[in-house]
Amino acid sequence: MKLLLDENLPKKLKHDLQIHEVYTVSDKKWNGIKNGELIKLLLAENFEVLLTFDKNMEYQQNFVKYPIAVFVLNASDNTYETLRELAANILQMLEKPLSNGVSQIK
């Protein structure tokens, strides 16, 4: 499965999800791109999941209309040490059929 880690996530998180094809925003040179444009790029490059720490993202875009799942990582902070604890939950969610729109990962 093709995943993109948003720029608000630590790049090292990519290694905890390496059974999938994982890219960071930096890998794609998409730093600073706004959400609407980012969605267009994700779709054009056949990404299936966007992972982010942006808890407001679901209110900024109507993701249900796009064929992409958005996982909002819900934790006390966005450090690698904290978010790596969510890796098992992320991988478990990726085993299920994906639905369009936003899902919270705790």
C-alpha atoms as a PDB file:
ATOM      1  CA  MET A   1       0.000   0.000   0.000  1.00  0.00           C
ATOM      2  CA  LYS A   2       1.293   3.481  -0.837  1.00  0.00           C
ATOM      3  CA  LEU A   3       1.397   5.871   2.144  1.00  0.00           C
ATOM      4  CA  LEU A   4       2.445   9.490   2.627  1.00  0.00           C
ATOM      5  CA  LEU A   5       3.618  10.895   5.961  1.00  0.00           C
ATOM      6  CA  ASP A   6       2.605  14.543   6.261  1.00  0.00           C
ATOM      7  CA  GLU A   7       5.310  17.068   7.068  1.00  0.00           C
ATOM      8  CA  ASN A   8       4.108  17.331  10.685  1.00  0.00           C
ATOM      9  CA  LEU A   9       5.189  13.724  11.357  1.00  0.00           C
ATOM     10  CA  PRO A  10       8.726  12.563  12.128  1.00  0.00           C
ATOM     11  CA  LYS A  11      10.461  11.048   9.103  1.00  0.00           C
ATOM     12  CA  LYS A  12      11.716   8.124  11.206  1.00  0.00           C
ATOM     13  CA  LEU A  13       8.138   6.859  11.542  1.00  0.00           C
ATOM     14  CA  LYS A  14       8.517   5.643   7.974  1.00  0.00           C
ATOM     15  CA  HIS A  15      10.739   2.788   9.198  1.00  0.00           C
ATOM     16  CA  ASP A  16       8.035   1.452  11.516  1.00  0.00           C
ATOM     17  CA  LEU A  17       5.685   1.081   8.539  1.00  0.00           C
ATOM     18  CA  GLN A  18       8.183  -0.278   6.026  1.00  0.00           C
ATOM     19  CA  ILE A  19       6.118  -3.310   5.050  1.00  0.00           C
ATOM     20  CA  HIS A  20       4.298  -0.725   2.927  1.00  0.00           C
ATOM     21  CA  GLU A  21       5.560   1.747   0.326  1.00  0.00           C
ATOM     22  CA  VAL A  22       6.024   4.817   2.534  1.00  0.00           C
ATOM     23  CA  TYR A  23       7.106   8.308   1.503  1.00  0.00           C
ATOM     24  CA  THR A  24       7.463  11.530   3.431  1.00  0.00           C
ATOM     25  CA  VAL A  25       6.458  14.939   2.160  1.00  0.00           C
ATOM     26  CA  SER A  26      10.196  15.714   2.079  1.00  0.00           C
ATOM     27  CA  ASP A  27      10.898  12.618  -0.034  1.00  0.00           C
ATOM     28  CA  LYS A  28       8.430  13.924  -2.623  1.00  0.00           C
ATOM     29  CA  LYS A  29       9.679  17.550  -2.286  1.00  0.00           C
ATOM     30  CA  TRP A  30       6.143  18.665  -1.389  1.00  0.00           C
ATOM     31  CA  ASN A  31       7.030  20.722   1.693  1.00  0.00           C
ATOM     32  CA  GLY A  32       4.757  23.707   2.247  1.00  0.00           C
ATOM     33  CA  ILE A  33       2.060  22.550  -0.160  1.00  0.00           C
ATOM     34  CA  LYS A  34      -1.453  23.314   1.100  1.00  0.00           C
ATOM     35  CA  ASN A  35      -3.957  20.516   1.721  1.00  0.00           C
ATOM     36  CA  GLY A  36      -6.085  21.020  -1.411  1.00  0.00           C
ATOM     37  CA  GLU A  37      -3.060  20.873  -3.699  1.00  0.00           C
ATOM     38  CA  LEU A  38      -1.565  18.020  -1.681  1.00  0.00           C
ATOM     39  CA  ILE A  39      -4.686  15.914  -2.264  1.00  0.00           C
ATOM     40  CA  LYS A  40      -4.361  16.458  -6.029  1.00  0.00           C
ATOM     41  CA  LEU A  41      -0.734  15.302  -5.912  1.00  0.00           C
ATOM     42  CA  LEU A  42      -1.624  12.263  -3.789  1.00  0.00           C
ATOM     43  CA  LEU A  43      -4.299  11.217  -6.260  1.00  0.00           C
ATOM     44  CA  ALA A  44      -2.066  11.818  -9.291  1.00  0.00           C
ATOM     45  CA  GLU A  45       0.612   9.532  -7.780  1.00  0.00           C
ATOM     46  CA  ASN A  46      -1.855   6.841  -6.627  1.00  0.00           C
ATOM     47  CA  PHE A  47      -1.337   7.203  -2.888  1.00  0.00           C
ATOM     48  CA  GLU A  48      -3.878   5.318  -0.816  1.00  0.00           C
ATOM     49  CA  VAL A  49      -3.330   6.788   2.650  1.00  0.00           C
ATOM     50  CA  LEU A  50      -2.218  10.131   4.081  1.00  0.00           C
ATOM     51  CA  LEU A  51      -0.982  10.047   7.671  1.00  0.00           C
ATOM     52  CA  THR A  52      -0.998  13.346   9.546  1.00  0.00           C
ATOM     53  CA  PHE A  53      -0.947  14.919  12.994  1.00  0.00           C
ATOM     54  CA  ASP A  54      -3.186  17.802  11.826  1.00  0.00           C
ATOM     55  CA  LYS A  55      -6.328  17.349  13.903  1.00  0.00           C
ATOM     56  CA  ASN A  56      -8.103  20.118  11.970  1.00  0.00           C
ATOM     57  CA  MET A  57      -7.567  18.526   8.574  1.00  0.00           C
ATOM     58  CA  GLU A  58     -10.938  16.805   8.513  1.00  0.00           C
ATOM     59  CA  TYR A  59     -12.608  20.213   8.830  1.00  0.00           C
ATOM     60  CA  GLN A  60     -10.474  21.797   6.102  1.00  0.00           C
ATOM     61  CA  GLN A  61     -11.301  19.369   3.279  1.00  0.00           C
ATOM     62  CA  ASN A  62     -14.141  16.992   2.418  1.00  0.00           C
ATOM     63  CA  PHE A  63     -12.027  13.848   2.169  1.00  0.00           C
ATOM     64  CA  VAL A  64     -14.996  11.525   1.701  1.00  0.00           C
ATOM     65  CA  LYS A  65     -15.246  12.622  -1.930  1.00  0.00           C
ATOM     66  CA  TYR A  66     -11.668  11.493  -2.670  1.00  0.00           C
ATOM     67  CA  PRO A  67     -10.526   7.861  -3.034  1.00  0.00           C
ATOM     68  CA  ILE A  68      -7.992   8.207  -0.233  1.00  0.00           C
ATOM     69  CA  ALA A  69      -7.955   7.420   3.470  1.00  0.00           C
ATOM     70  CA  VAL A  70      -6.616   9.979   5.936  1.00  0.00           C
ATOM     71  CA  PHE A  71      -5.287   8.750   9.274  1.00  0.00           C
ATOM     72  CA  VAL A  72      -5.012  11.460  11.919  1.00  0.00           C
ATOM     73  CA  LEU A  73      -2.581  10.312  14.584  1.00  0.00           C
ATOM     74  CA  ASN A  74      -3.979  11.251  17.965  1.00  0.00           C
ATOM     75  CA  ALA A  75      -1.274  11.517  20.638  1.00  0.00           C
ATOM     76  CA  SER A  76      -0.004  13.957  23.249  1.00  0.00           C
ATOM     77  CA  ASP A  77       2.754  15.180  20.910  1.00  0.00           C
ATOM     78  CA  ASN A  78       4.206  14.420  17.488  1.00  0.00           C
ATOM     79  CA  THR A  79       7.636  13.172  18.537  1.00  0.00           C
ATOM     80  CA  TYR A  80       8.906   9.925  17.104  1.00  0.00           C
ATOM     81  CA  GLU A  81       9.089   8.336  20.563  1.00  0.00           C
ATOM     82  CA  THR A  82       5.383   8.993  21.120  1.00  0.00           C
ATOM     83  CA  LEU A  83       4.083   8.231  17.630  1.00  0.00           C
ATOM     84  CA  ARG A  84       6.026   5.006  17.134  1.00  0.00           C
ATOM     85  CA  GLU A  85       3.741   3.526  19.797  1.00  0.00           C
ATOM     86  CA  LEU A  86       0.884   3.984  17.308  1.00  0.00           C
ATOM     87  CA  ALA A  87       2.638   2.025  14.536  1.00  0.00           C
ATOM     88  CA  ALA A  88       0.946  -1.270  15.464  1.00  0.00           C
ATOM     89  CA  ASN A  89      -2.477   0.429  15.382  1.00  0.00           C
ATOM     90  CA  ILE A  90      -1.682   1.978  11.999  1.00  0.00           C
ATOM     91  CA  LEU A  91      -0.603  -1.370  10.561  1.00  0.00           C
ATOM     92  CA  GLN A  92      -3.741  -3.000  11.959  1.00  0.00           C
ATOM     93  CA  MET A  93      -5.924  -0.347  10.292  1.00  0.00           C
ATOM     94  CA  LEU A  94      -4.119  -0.930   7.001  1.00  0.00           C
ATOM     95  CA  GLU A  95      -5.101  -4.611   7.102  1.00  0.00           C
ATOM     96  CA  LYS A  96      -8.781  -3.659   6.966  1.00  0.00           C
ATOM     97  CA  PRO A  97     -10.593  -2.401   3.883  1.00  0.00           C
ATOM     98  CA  LEU A  98      -9.935   1.322   3.655  1.00  0.00           C
ATOM     99  CA  SER A  99     -12.729   3.834   3.545  1.00  0.00           C
ATOM    100  CA  ASN A 100     -12.541   7.335   2.126  1.00  0.00           C
ATOM    101  CA  GLY A 101     -12.304  10.086   4.680  1.00  0.00           C
ATOM    102  CA  VAL A 102     -10.673  10.651   8.030  1.00  0.00           C
ATOM    103  CA  SER A 103      -9.981   8.066  10.742  1.00  0.00           C
ATOM    104  CA  GLN A 104      -8.469   8.776  14.139  1.00  0.00           C
ATOM    105  CA  ILE A 105      -5.571   6.525  15.214  1.00  0.00           C
ATOM    106  CA  LYS A 106      -4.987   6.329  18.960  1.00  0.00           C
END
